[in-house]
C-alpha atoms as a PDB file:
ATOM      1  CA  MET A   1       5.850  -8.011 -17.103  1.00  0.00           C
ATOM      2  CA  GLU A   2       8.549  -6.676 -14.389  1.00  0.00           C
ATOM      3  CA  LEU A   3       7.011  -5.828 -10.802  1.00  0.00           C
ATOM      4  CA  TYR A   4       8.376  -3.118  -8.648  1.00  0.00           C
ATOM      5  CA  HIS A   5       8.322  -2.557  -5.056  1.00  0.00           C
ATOM      6  CA  ILE A   6       8.123   1.183  -5.002  1.00  0.00           C
ATOM      7  CA  LEU A   7       8.484   3.329  -1.695  1.00  0.00           C
ATOM      8  CA  ASN A   8       9.120   6.901  -0.605  1.00  0.00           C
ATOM      9  CA  ARG A   9       9.300   8.567   2.938  1.00  0.00           C
ATOM     10  CA  GLY A  10       8.412  12.099   4.297  1.00  0.00           C
ATOM     11  CA  ILE A  11      11.580  14.179   4.366  1.00  0.00           C
ATOM     12  CA  ASP A  12      13.302  14.320   7.610  1.00  0.00           C
ATOM     13  CA  GLY A  13      10.767  11.723   9.269  1.00  0.00           C
ATOM     14  CA  ARG A  14       7.842  14.162   8.458  1.00  0.00           C
ATOM     15  CA  LYS A  15       4.198  12.440   8.291  1.00  0.00           C
ATOM     16  CA  LEU A  16       2.811  12.287   4.959  1.00  0.00           C
ATOM     17  CA  PHE A  17      -1.027  11.469   6.550  1.00  0.00           C
ATOM     18  CA  LEU A  18      -2.091  13.562   9.429  1.00  0.00           C
ATOM     19  CA  ASP A  19      -5.926  12.787   9.055  1.00  0.00           C
ATOM     20  CA  SER A  20      -8.414  10.282   6.927  1.00  0.00           C
ATOM     21  CA  GLN A  21      -8.718  13.254   4.555  1.00  0.00           C
ATOM     22  CA  ASP A  22      -4.863  13.085   3.642  1.00  0.00           C
ATOM     23  CA  TYR A  23      -5.059   9.302   3.143  1.00  0.00           C
ATOM     24  CA  VAL A  24      -8.331   9.526   0.868  1.00  0.00           C
ATOM     25  CA  ARG A  25      -6.594  12.072  -1.143  1.00  0.00           C
ATOM     26  CA  PHE A  26      -3.559  10.255  -1.526  1.00  0.00           C
ATOM     27  CA  ILE A  27      -5.793   7.393  -2.878  1.00  0.00           C
ATOM     28  CA  HIS A  28      -7.892   9.394  -4.958  1.00  0.00           C
ATOM     29  CA  ASN A  29      -4.321  10.400  -6.703  1.00  0.00           C
ATOM     30  CA  MET A  30      -3.580   6.867  -7.239  1.00  0.00           C
ATOM     31  CA  TYR A  31      -6.592   6.258  -9.095  1.00  0.00           C
ATOM     32  CA  GLU A  32      -6.733   9.765 -10.961  1.00  0.00           C
ATOM     33  CA  PHE A  33      -3.092   9.963 -11.884  1.00  0.00           C
ATOM     34  CA  ASN A  34      -3.021   6.815 -13.558  1.00  0.00           C
ATOM     35  CA  ASP A  35      -3.890   8.051 -16.693  1.00  0.00           C
ATOM     36  CA  ALA A  36      -1.785   9.386 -19.705  1.00  0.00           C
ATOM     37  CA  ALA A  37      -4.174  12.342 -19.885  1.00  0.00           C
ATOM     38  CA  SER A  38      -3.618  15.234 -17.651  1.00  0.00           C
ATOM     39  CA  ALA A  39      -5.207  14.911 -14.409  1.00  0.00           C
ATOM     40  CA  LEU A  40      -8.111  17.040 -13.417  1.00  0.00           C
ATOM     41  CA  GLU A  41      -8.928  18.812 -10.196  1.00  0.00           C
ATOM     42  CA  PHE A  42     -11.253  16.613  -7.783  1.00  0.00           C
ATOM     43  CA  THR A  43     -14.718  17.458  -7.501  1.00  0.00           C
ATOM     44  CA  ARG A  44     -15.384  15.836  -4.412  1.00  0.00           C
ATOM     45  CA  ARG A  45     -13.220  14.423  -1.861  1.00  0.00           C
ATOM     46  CA  ASP A  46     -15.166  11.252  -0.144  1.00  0.00           C
ATOM     47  CA  ALA A  47     -13.754   7.471  -0.611  1.00  0.00           C
ATOM     48  CA  ARG A  48     -16.775   6.892  -3.237  1.00  0.00           C
ATOM     49  CA  ASP A  49     -14.906   8.968  -5.905  1.00  0.00           C
ATOM     50  CA  VAL A  50     -12.283   6.686  -5.826  1.00  0.00           C
ATOM     51  CA  ASN A  51     -14.488   3.646  -7.015  1.00  0.00           C
ATOM     52  CA  ASN A  52     -17.185   6.027  -9.505  1.00  0.00           C
ATOM     53  CA  GLY A  53     -14.746   8.116 -10.847  1.00  0.00           C
ATOM     54  CA  HIS A  54     -15.690  11.625 -12.348  1.00  0.00           C
ATOM     55  CA  ARG A  55     -14.703  11.405 -15.927  1.00  0.00           C
ATOM     56  CA  LYS A  56     -17.301   9.076 -17.556  1.00  0.00           C
ATOM     57  CA  SER A  57     -17.206  10.455 -20.917  1.00  0.00           C
ATOM     58  CA  HIS A  58     -13.303   9.822 -20.664  1.00  0.00           C
ATOM     59  CA  THR A  59     -11.497   6.609 -22.083  1.00  0.00           C
ATOM     60  CA  ARG A  60      -8.593   5.737 -19.670  1.00  0.00           C
ATOM     61  CA  LYS A  61      -5.200   5.102 -20.577  1.00  0.00           C
ATOM     62  CA  ARG A  62      -3.416   3.795 -17.589  1.00  0.00           C
ATOM     63  CA  LEU A  63       0.092   4.102 -17.015  1.00  0.00           C
ATOM     64  CA  VAL A  64       0.801   1.218 -14.416  1.00  0.00           C
ATOM     65  CA  GLU A  65      -1.119  -1.736 -12.999  1.00  0.00           C
ATOM     66  CA  ILE A  66      -1.058  -1.453  -8.966  1.00  0.00           C
ATOM     67  CA  HIS A  67      -1.115  -4.914  -7.599  1.00  0.00           C
ATOM     68  CA  GLY A  68      -0.674  -3.822  -4.102  1.00  0.00           C
ATOM     69  CA  TRP A  69      -0.373  -0.628  -1.839  1.00  0.00           C
ATOM     70  CA  CYS A  70      -0.227   0.545   1.953  1.00  0.00           C
ATOM     71  CA  LEU A  71       0.026   3.869   3.387  1.00  0.00           C
ATOM     72  CA  MET A  72       1.799   4.652   6.625  1.00  0.00           C
ATOM     73  CA  LYS A  73       1.995   7.835   8.508  1.00  0.00           C
ATOM     74  CA  ASP A  74       5.351   8.635   7.129  1.00  0.00           C
ATOM     75  CA  HIS A  75       5.729   6.596   4.040  1.00  0.00           C
ATOM     76  CA  TYR A  76       4.112   4.762   1.181  1.00  0.00           C
ATOM     77  CA  HIS A  77       4.393   1.303  -0.462  1.00  0.00           C
ATOM     78  CA  LEU A  78       3.359   0.497  -3.846  1.00  0.00           C
ATOM     79  CA  LEU A  79       3.616  -2.776  -5.981  1.00  0.00           C
ATOM     80  CA  ILE A  80       3.114  -1.594  -9.772  1.00  0.00           C
ATOM     81  CA  SER A  81       4.225  -2.947 -13.116  1.00  0.00           C
ATOM     82  CA  GLU A  82       4.384  -0.635 -16.400  1.00  0.00           C
ATOM     83  CA  LEU A  83       1.816  -0.606 -18.837  1.00  0.00           C
ATOM     84  CA  ILE A  84       3.353   2.029 -21.173  1.00  0.00           C
ATOM     85  CA  ASP A  85       6.834   3.041 -22.000  1.00  0.00           C
ATOM     86  CA  GLY A  86       7.897   5.482 -19.208  1.00  0.00           C
ATOM     87  CA  GLY A  87       4.555   4.940 -17.527  1.00  0.00           C
ATOM     88  CA  MET A  88       5.856   4.300 -14.064  1.00  0.00           C
ATOM     89  CA  VAL A  89       8.027   7.160 -14.072  1.00  0.00           C
ATOM     90  CA  LYS A  90       5.012   9.500 -15.082  1.00  0.00           C
ATOM     91  CA  PHE A  91       3.021   7.958 -12.905  1.00  0.00           C
ATOM     92  CA  MET A  92       5.428   8.625  -9.581  1.00  0.00           C
ATOM     93  CA  ALA A  93       5.911  12.152 -10.728  1.00  0.00           C
ATOM     94  CA  LYS A  94       2.380  12.863 -10.821  1.00  0.00           C
ATOM     95  CA  ILE A  95       1.645  11.055  -7.454  1.00  0.00           C
ATOM     96  CA  ASN A  96       4.393  12.850  -5.510  1.00  0.00           C
ATOM     97  CA  ILE A  97       3.968  16.257  -6.984  1.00  0.00           C
ATOM     98  CA  GLY A  98       0.156  16.183  -7.181  1.00  0.00           C
ATOM     99  CA  TYR A  99       0.311  15.005  -3.132  1.00  0.00           C
ATOM    100  CA  ALA A 100       3.195  17.577  -2.110  1.00  0.00           C
ATOM    101  CA  LYS A 101       0.952  20.485  -3.629  1.00  0.00           C
ATOM    102  CA  TYR A 102      -2.063  19.351  -2.011  1.00  0.00           C
ATOM    103  CA  TYR A 103      -0.346  18.924   1.144  1.00  0.00           C
ATOM    104  CA  ASN A 104       1.806  22.021   0.917  1.00  0.00           C
ATOM    105  CA  GLU A 105      -1.748  24.411   0.442  1.00  0.00           C
ATOM    106  CA  ARG A 106      -3.419  22.507   3.288  1.00  0.00           C
ATOM    107  CA  TYR A 107      -0.803  22.926   5.954  1.00  0.00           C
ATOM    108  CA  ALA A 108       0.788  26.103   4.839  1.00  0.00           C
ATOM    109  CA  ARG A 109       4.291  25.106   4.090  1.00  0.00           C
ATOM    110  CA  HIS A 110       6.749  25.017   1.667  1.00  0.00           C
ATOM    111  CA  GLY A 111       9.625  22.984   0.271  1.00  0.00           C
ATOM    112  CA  HIS A 112      10.190  19.404  -0.510  1.00  0.00           C
ATOM    113  CA  LEU A 113       7.663  16.687   1.125  1.00  0.00           C
ATOM    114  CA  PHE A 114       9.311  13.664  -0.073  1.00  0.00           C
ATOM    115  CA  GLN A 115      12.882  12.103   1.148  1.00  0.00           C
ATOM    116  CA  GLY A 116      14.641  12.115  -2.070  1.00  0.00           C
ATOM    117  CA  LYS A 117      14.267   9.884  -4.999  1.00  0.00           C
ATOM    118  CA  THR A 118      11.327   7.136  -4.742  1.00  0.00           C
ATOM    119  CA  LYS A 119      13.174   3.929  -4.410  1.00  0.00           C
ATOM    120  CA  LYS A 120      12.312   1.457  -6.830  1.00  0.00           C
ATOM    121  CA  ILE A 121      13.027  -2.337  -6.467  1.00  0.00           C
ATOM    122  CA  LEU A 122      12.641  -4.896  -8.946  1.00  0.00           C
ATOM    123  CA  ILE A 123      10.889  -8.071  -7.997  1.00  0.00           C
ATOM    124  CA  SER A 124      12.901 -10.584  -9.537  1.00  0.00           C
ATOM    125  CA  ARG A 125      13.661 -13.901  -7.582  1.00  0.00           C
ATOM    126  CA  GLU A 126      10.441 -16.056  -6.891  1.00  0.00           C
ATOM    127  CA  MET A 127      11.087 -16.119  -2.844  1.00  0.00           C
ATOM    128  CA  HIS A 128      10.924 -12.217  -2.886  1.00  0.00           C
ATOM    129  CA  PHE A 129       7.745 -12.446  -5.401  1.00  0.00           C
ATOM    130  CA  LEU A 130       6.210 -14.829  -2.578  1.00  0.00           C
ATOM    131  CA  TYR A 131       6.630 -12.504   0.504  1.00  0.00           C
ATOM    132  CA  ILE A 132       6.522  -8.953  -0.882  1.00  0.00           C
ATOM    133  CA  LEU A 133       2.665  -8.810  -0.700  1.00  0.00           C
ATOM    134  CA  ASN A 134       2.638  -9.963   2.783  1.00  0.00           C
ATOM    135  CA  TYR A 135       5.497  -7.529   3.587  1.00  0.00           C
ATOM    136  CA  VAL A 136       3.228  -4.431   2.292  1.00  0.00           C
ATOM    137  CA  HIS A 137       0.410  -5.578   4.112  1.00  0.00           C
ATOM    138  CA  LEU A 138       2.159  -6.226   7.491  1.00  0.00           C
ATOM    139  CA  ASN A 139       3.537  -3.034   7.591  1.00  0.00           C
ATOM    140  CA  PRO A 140       0.706  -1.387   9.800  1.00  0.00           C
ATOM    141  CA  LEU A 141       1.425  -3.907  12.638  1.00  0.00           C
ATOM    142  CA  ASP A 142       4.298  -1.143  13.250  1.00  0.00           C
ATOM    143  CA  TYR A 143       1.450   0.584  15.515  1.00  0.00           C
ATOM    144  CA  MET A 144       0.411  -2.395  17.227  1.00  0.00           C
ATOM    145  CA  THR A 145       1.872  -3.184  20.730  1.00  0.00           C
ATOM    146  CA  GLY A 146       3.344  -6.642  20.782  1.00  0.00           C
ATOM    147  CA  ALA A 147       4.077  -6.988  16.935  1.00  0.00           C
ATOM    148  CA  THR A 148       6.098  -4.220  16.126  1.00  0.00           C
ATOM    149  CA  LYS A 149       9.227  -6.522  15.359  1.00  0.00           C
ATOM    150  CA  TRP A 150       7.137  -8.787  13.065  1.00  0.00           C
ATOM    151  CA  ARG A 151       9.914  -8.393  10.288  1.00  0.00           C
ATOM    152  CA  GLU A 152      12.153 -10.469  12.177  1.00  0.00           C
ATOM    153  CA  ARG A 153      10.573 -13.876  10.694  1.00  0.00           C
ATOM    154  CA  ASP A 154      12.950 -16.322  12.401  1.00  0.00           C
ATOM    155  CA  LYS A 155      12.143 -15.293  15.874  1.00  0.00           C
ATOM    156  CA  SER A 156       8.706 -15.349  17.818  1.00  0.00           C
ATOM    157  CA  THR A 157       7.952 -11.616  17.533  1.00  0.00           C
ATOM    158  CA  ILE A 158       3.973 -11.454  17.628  1.00  0.00           C
ATOM    159  CA  ARG A 159       2.476 -11.668  21.099  1.00  0.00           C
ATOM    160  CA  ASN A 160      -0.858 -12.614  19.864  1.00  0.00           C
ATOM    161  CA  ALA A 161      -1.509 -13.700  16.163  1.00  0.00           C
ATOM    162  CA  LYS A 162      -5.456 -13.265  16.584  1.00  0.00           C
ATOM    163  CA  GLU A 163      -5.245  -9.759  17.933  1.00  0.00           C
ATOM    164  CA  ALA A 164      -2.443  -9.199  14.967  1.00  0.00           C
ATOM    165  CA  LEU A 165      -5.207 -10.239  12.217  1.00  0.00           C
ATOM    166  CA  GLU A 166      -7.865  -8.523  13.575  1.00  0.00           C
ATOM    167  CA  TYR A 167      -5.680  -5.092  13.962  1.00  0.00           C
ATOM    168  CA  LEU A 168      -5.187  -5.837   9.959  1.00  0.00           C
ATOM    169  CA  ASP A 169      -8.893  -6.040   9.319  1.00  0.00           C
ATOM    170  CA  LYS A 170      -9.385  -2.835  10.528  1.00  0.00           C
ATOM    171  CA  TYR A 171      -6.695  -0.882   8.730  1.00  0.00           C
ATOM    172  CA  ARG A 172      -8.542   0.770   5.528  1.00  0.00           C
ATOM    173  CA  TRP A 173      -5.111   2.167   4.325  1.00  0.00           C
ATOM    174  CA  SER A 174      -4.068  -0.808   2.450  1.00  0.00           C
ATOM    175  CA  SER A 175      -5.124  -3.364  -0.399  1.00  0.00           C
ATOM    176  CA  TYR A 176      -5.180  -5.921   2.230  1.00  0.00           C
ATOM    177  CA  LEU A 177      -9.043  -5.952   2.918  1.00  0.00           C
ATOM    178  CA  ASP A 178      -9.784  -5.810  -1.071  1.00  0.00           C
ATOM    179  CA  TYR A 179      -7.585  -9.464  -1.085  1.00  0.00           C
ATOM    180  CA  CYS A 180      -9.633 -10.357   1.522  1.00  0.00           C
ATOM    181  CA  ASP A 181     -12.649 -10.075  -0.696  1.00  0.00           C
ATOM    182  CA  LYS A 182     -13.736  -7.095   1.463  1.00  0.00           C
ATOM    183  CA  LYS A 183     -14.249  -4.111  -0.736  1.00  0.00           C
ATOM    184  CA  ASN A 184     -12.545  -1.415   0.499  1.00  0.00           C
ATOM    185  CA  PHE A 185     -10.625   0.524  -2.720  1.00  0.00           C
ATOM    186  CA  PRO A 186     -11.525  -2.049  -5.093  1.00  0.00           C
ATOM    187  CA  SER A 187     -10.685   0.232  -8.707  1.00  0.00           C
ATOM    188  CA  LEU A 188      -7.437   0.905  -7.735  1.00  0.00           C
ATOM    189  CA  LEU A 189      -6.085  -2.931  -7.865  1.00  0.00           C
ATOM    190  CA  ILE A 190      -5.476  -5.164 -10.099  1.00  0.00           C
ATOM    191  CA  LYS A 191      -5.458  -8.716  -8.042  1.00  0.00           C
ATOM    192  CA  ILE A 192      -5.076 -11.449 -10.712  1.00  0.00           C
ATOM    193  CA  LEU A 193      -1.321 -11.551 -10.439  1.00  0.00           C
ATOM    194  CA  PHE A 194      -1.280 -12.706  -6.710  1.00  0.00           C
ATOM    195  CA  LYS A 195      -4.624 -14.290  -6.576  1.00  0.00           C
ATOM    196  CA  ASN A 196      -3.449 -17.068  -8.812  1.00  0.00           C
ATOM    197  CA  THR A 197      -0.761 -17.305  -5.846  1.00  0.00           C
ATOM    198  CA  PHE A 198      -3.150 -16.945  -2.789  1.00  0.00           C
ATOM    199  CA  SER A 199      -6.085 -18.447  -3.101  1.00  0.00           C
ATOM    200  CA  ASN A 200      -7.344 -17.799   0.107  1.00  0.00           C
ATOM    201  CA  TYR A 201      -5.155 -14.476   1.135  1.00  0.00           C
ATOM    202  CA  ARG A 202      -6.727 -13.811   4.793  1.00  0.00           C
ATOM    203  CA  ASN A 203      -5.995 -17.396   5.299  1.00  0.00           C
ATOM    204  CA  GLU A 204      -2.406 -17.248   3.969  1.00  0.00           C
ATOM    205  CA  ILE A 205      -1.829 -13.876   6.316  1.00  0.00           C
ATOM    206  CA  LYS A 206      -3.013 -15.924   9.402  1.00  0.00           C
ATOM    207  CA  GLU A 207      -0.981 -18.700   9.114  1.00  0.00           C
ATOM    208  CA  TYR A 208       1.873 -16.659   8.831  1.00  0.00           C
ATOM    209  CA  LEU A 209       0.927 -14.950  12.003  1.00  0.00           C
ATOM    210  CA  LYS A 210       0.629 -18.073  13.629  1.00  0.00           C
ATOM    211  CA  ASP A 211       3.929 -19.222  12.779  1.00  0.00           C
ATOM    212  CA  VAL A 212       5.744 -16.110  14.348  1.00  0.00           C
ATOM    213  CA  GLU A 213       3.399 -15.766  17.379  1.00  0.00           C
ATOM    214  CA  ILE A 214       5.387 -15.990  20.612  1.00  0.00           C
ATOM    215  CA  THR A 215       3.102 -18.532  22.266  1.00  0.00           C
ATOM    216  CA  SER A 216       3.568 -21.040  19.549  1.00  0.00           C
ATOM    217  CA  ILE A 217       7.269 -21.093  19.750  1.00  0.00           C
ATOM    218  CA  THR A 218       7.149 -21.498  23.474  1.00  0.00           C
ATOM    219  CA  ASP A 219       4.989 -24.572  23.103  1.00  0.00           C
ATOM    220  CA  LEU A 220       7.315 -25.830  20.630  1.00  0.00           C
ATOM    221  CA  GLN A 221      10.092 -25.580  22.736  1.00  0.00           C
ATOM    222  CA  PHE A 222       8.394 -27.518  26.040  1.00  0.00           C
ATOM    223  CA  GLU A 223       6.966 -30.773  23.916  1.00  0.00           C
END
């Protein structure tokens, strides 16, 4: 099995998600379009559909496994592996085209929505694998004052680790809550790959945040 980090952004910095309806629609797409069969139109648009589904008589043949994901205002991150030959290309085409069609219709616009070709990064090194799920889930800290430099892992970059953890606990638009055993959108996700690595995922994130907390680094310097 090959694991890929998939990401794409809105063209010219455009926001892809303007409200909760947009986020939920993209999440619907990730569930509904992960099927070798042609996608059907949604009959409802609330979050419950993702977990209950519409096509109970249909036997789903999934294109990919989704191991992690995060939706940001102007971009998205997916961690996926392919289940059938060509499955990843077909899945991403359905995702991007389907969401762009919805978005353009809702906001009365025309033209491309995404910034060029979707980026695909193979996770081939062990250290990359051990960090990539955390990286995806920590992205929402970009929106939190005092934590925006969290990517600078060798520096004291988070002002308050406890507040950062609480912020992540309230962010619905990622697989983080499901990995913490708080059901959010569980039907999207295959957790076994990373669950074997992180037995207590929330504690894993908690310890990471404490390691880069400003006060922790400062205390060490004055001992």
